C-alpha atoms as a PDB file:
ATOM      1  CA  MET A   1      58.876  52.808  94.596  1.00  0.00           C
ATOM      2  CA  THR A   2      61.727  50.492  95.555  1.00  0.00           C
ATOM      3  CA  ASP A   3      65.377  50.917  94.843  1.00  0.00           C
ATOM      4  CA  SER A   4      66.357  47.369  94.072  1.00  0.00           C
ATOM      5  CA  PRO A   5      69.785  46.723  92.599  1.00  0.00           C
ATOM      6  CA  HIS A   6      68.162  45.725  89.303  1.00  0.00           C
ATOM      7  CA  GLU A   7      66.433  49.079  88.903  1.00  0.00           C
ATOM      8  CA  GLN A   8      69.472  51.245  89.587  1.00  0.00           C
ATOM      9  CA  ILE A   9      71.666  52.342  86.734  1.00  0.00           C
ATOM     10  CA  ASP A  10      75.148  50.910  86.977  1.00  0.00           C
ATOM     11  CA  ASP A  11      77.737  53.667  86.554  1.00  0.00           C
ATOM     12  CA  ARG A  12      80.778  51.455  87.083  1.00  0.00           C
ATOM     13  CA  GLY A  13      81.842  51.683  83.438  1.00  0.00           C
ATOM     14  CA  CYS A  14      82.227  55.449  83.656  1.00  0.00           C
ATOM     15  CA  LEU A  15      83.810  55.226  87.097  1.00  0.00           C
ATOM     16  CA  VAL A  16      86.344  52.697  85.873  1.00  0.00           C
ATOM     17  CA  MET A  17      87.338  55.017  83.048  1.00  0.00           C
ATOM     18  CA  VAL A  18      87.748  58.005  85.373  1.00  0.00           C
ATOM     19  CA  LEU A  19      89.745  56.109  87.999  1.00  0.00           C
ATOM     20  CA  ALA A  20      91.861  54.289  85.420  1.00  0.00           C
ATOM     21  CA  VAL A  21      93.224  57.497  83.873  1.00  0.00           C
ATOM     22  CA  PRO A  22      95.787  58.334  86.607  1.00  0.00           C
ATOM     23  CA  ILE A  23      96.897  54.714  86.899  1.00  0.00           C
ATOM     24  CA  VAL A  24      97.370  54.372  83.139  1.00  0.00           C
ATOM     25  CA  LEU A  25      99.252  57.680  82.929  1.00  0.00           C
ATOM     26  CA  LEU A  26     101.528  56.710  85.818  1.00  0.00           C
ATOM     27  CA  THR A  27     102.135  53.325  84.195  1.00  0.00           C
ATOM     28  CA  LEU A  28     103.159  55.066  80.973  1.00  0.00           C
ATOM     29  CA  VAL A  29     105.527  57.352  82.886  1.00  0.00           C
ATOM     30  CA  SER A  30     107.013  54.346  84.663  1.00  0.00           C
ATOM     31  CA  ALA A  31     107.383  52.514  81.330  1.00  0.00           C
ATOM     32  CA  TYR A  32     109.207  55.457  79.754  1.00  0.00           C
ATOM     33  CA  PHE A  33     111.713  55.756  82.579  1.00  0.00           C
ATOM     34  CA  CYS A  34     112.168  51.988  82.801  1.00  0.00           C
ATOM     35  CA  TRP A  35     112.874  51.865  79.065  1.00  0.00           C
ATOM     36  CA  THR A  36     115.326  54.748  79.472  1.00  0.00           C
ATOM     37  CA  ALA A  37     117.112  52.981  82.320  1.00  0.00           C
ATOM     38  CA  LEU A  38     117.417  49.795  80.286  1.00  0.00           C
ATOM     39  CA  THR A  39     118.671  51.462  77.116  1.00  0.00           C
ATOM     40  CA  ILE A  40     121.372  53.707  78.592  1.00  0.00           C
ATOM     41  CA  GLN A  41     124.723  52.002  78.067  1.00  0.00           C
ATOM     42  CA  PRO A  42     127.777  53.482  79.793  1.00  0.00           C
ATOM     43  CA  SER A  43     130.870  53.799  77.619  1.00  0.00           C
ATOM     44  CA  GLY A  44     133.032  52.436  80.398  1.00  0.00           C
ATOM     45  CA  ALA A  45     133.556  52.298  84.122  1.00  0.00           C
ATOM     46  CA  TRP A  46     134.556  55.973  84.020  1.00  0.00           C
ATOM     47  CA  ASP A  47     131.204  57.135  82.540  1.00  0.00           C
ATOM     48  CA  ASP A  48     129.676  58.596  85.702  1.00  0.00           C
ATOM     49  CA  ASP A  49     127.087  60.614  83.773  1.00  0.00           C
ATOM     50  CA  ALA A  50     125.578  57.490  82.223  1.00  0.00           C
ATOM     51  CA  TYR A  51     125.444  55.752  85.593  1.00  0.00           C
ATOM     52  CA  ALA A  52     123.784  58.823  87.116  1.00  0.00           C
ATOM     53  CA  GLY A  53     121.239  58.796  84.277  1.00  0.00           C
ATOM     54  CA  ILE A  54     120.485  55.136  84.919  1.00  0.00           C
ATOM     55  CA  VAL A  55     119.954  55.773  88.623  1.00  0.00           C
ATOM     56  CA  LEU A  56     117.728  58.782  87.942  1.00  0.00           C
ATOM     57  CA  ALA A  57     115.620  56.869  85.417  1.00  0.00           C
ATOM     58  CA  CYS A  58     115.279  53.948  87.839  1.00  0.00           C
ATOM     59  CA  VAL A  59     114.257  56.234  90.701  1.00  0.00           C
ATOM     60  CA  MET A  60     111.648  57.940  88.523  1.00  0.00           C
ATOM     61  CA  SER A  61     110.257  54.608  87.305  1.00  0.00           C
ATOM     62  CA  VAL A  62     110.032  53.186  90.822  1.00  0.00           C
ATOM     63  CA  ALA A  63     108.452  56.414  92.095  1.00  0.00           C
ATOM     64  CA  ALA A  64     105.807  56.463  89.339  1.00  0.00           C
ATOM     65  CA  ALA A  65     105.005  52.810  90.020  1.00  0.00           C
ATOM     66  CA  GLY A  66     104.768  53.554  93.736  1.00  0.00           C
ATOM     67  CA  VAL A  67     102.381  56.433  93.182  1.00  0.00           C
ATOM     68  CA  ALA A  68     100.240  54.227  90.907  1.00  0.00           C
ATOM     69  CA  ALA A  69     100.122  51.602  93.644  1.00  0.00           C
ATOM     70  CA  GLY A  70      99.307  54.323  96.174  1.00  0.00           C
ATOM     71  CA  VAL A  71      96.361  55.470  94.080  1.00  0.00           C
ATOM     72  CA  TRP A  72      95.170  51.887  93.675  1.00  0.00           C
ATOM     73  CA  VAL A  73      95.372  51.208  97.431  1.00  0.00           C
ATOM     74  CA  LEU A  74      92.654  53.776  98.111  1.00  0.00           C
ATOM     75  CA  PRO A  75      89.513  51.814  99.037  1.00  0.00           C
ATOM     76  CA  GLY A  76      87.266  53.515  96.480  1.00  0.00           C
ATOM     77  CA  VAL A  77      89.666  52.819  93.645  1.00  0.00           C
ATOM     78  CA  ARG A  78      90.488  49.269  94.727  1.00  0.00           C
ATOM     79  CA  ARG A  79      86.795  48.403  94.908  1.00  0.00           C
ATOM     80  CA  VAL A  80      86.248  49.393  91.256  1.00  0.00           C
ATOM     81  CA  LEU A  81      89.582  48.539  89.638  1.00  0.00           C
ATOM     82  CA  GLY A  82      91.046  45.085  89.911  1.00  0.00           C
ATOM     83  CA  TRP A  83      94.624  44.026  90.554  1.00  0.00           C
ATOM     84  CA  GLY A  84      95.315  43.873  86.811  1.00  0.00           C
ATOM     85  CA  TRP A  85      95.187  47.655  86.492  1.00  0.00           C
ATOM     86  CA  VAL A  86      98.183  48.245  88.755  1.00  0.00           C
ATOM     87  CA  ALA A  87     100.183  45.065  88.038  1.00  0.00           C
ATOM     88  CA  PRO A  88     101.989  46.449  84.942  1.00  0.00           C
ATOM     89  CA  ALA A  89     103.181  49.521  86.854  1.00  0.00           C
ATOM     90  CA  LEU A  90     104.426  47.367  89.711  1.00  0.00           C
ATOM     91  CA  MET A  91     106.229  45.046  87.289  1.00  0.00           C
ATOM     92  CA  LEU A  92     107.952  48.029  85.663  1.00  0.00           C
ATOM     93  CA  GLY A  93     108.946  49.294  89.111  1.00  0.00           C
ATOM     94  CA  VAL A  94     110.438  45.920  89.978  1.00  0.00           C
ATOM     95  CA  ILE A  95     112.384  45.805  86.693  1.00  0.00           C
ATOM     96  CA  ALA A  96     113.737  49.306  87.310  1.00  0.00           C
ATOM     97  CA  GLY A  97     114.586  48.391  90.888  1.00  0.00           C
ATOM     98  CA  VAL A  98     116.555  45.351  89.735  1.00  0.00           C
ATOM     99  CA  ARG A  99     118.399  47.488  87.169  1.00  0.00           C
ATOM    100  CA  TRP A 100     119.170  50.025  89.880  1.00  0.00           C
ATOM    101  CA  ALA A 101     120.333  47.401  92.383  1.00  0.00           C
ATOM    102  CA  THR A 102     122.534  45.483  89.966  1.00  0.00           C
ATOM    103  CA  GLY A 103     124.035  48.587  88.374  1.00  0.00           C
ATOM    104  CA  VAL A 104     124.623  46.646  85.161  1.00  0.00           C
END
């Protein structure tokens, strides 16, 4: 009995689904906080609470994107999931980072 690659059952479909769950959830969290950061509009230069909310939302979005990238960097995950799984989270993190840096 030989164990050739053609005779083995490929479980990558199930593995992709299991490993994709944390990345998708972290991407959704990052998207929520990025959306929040982009939709908060301060009433004026004096509105410190709105600016603090923007900074907090940006930090949370960047952190969620960073954790998603950290999960993807693990060799077992990276071998099964391609770059396209983590790219949306990273893009959201970049958008939130730009919003945070510009303060607009």
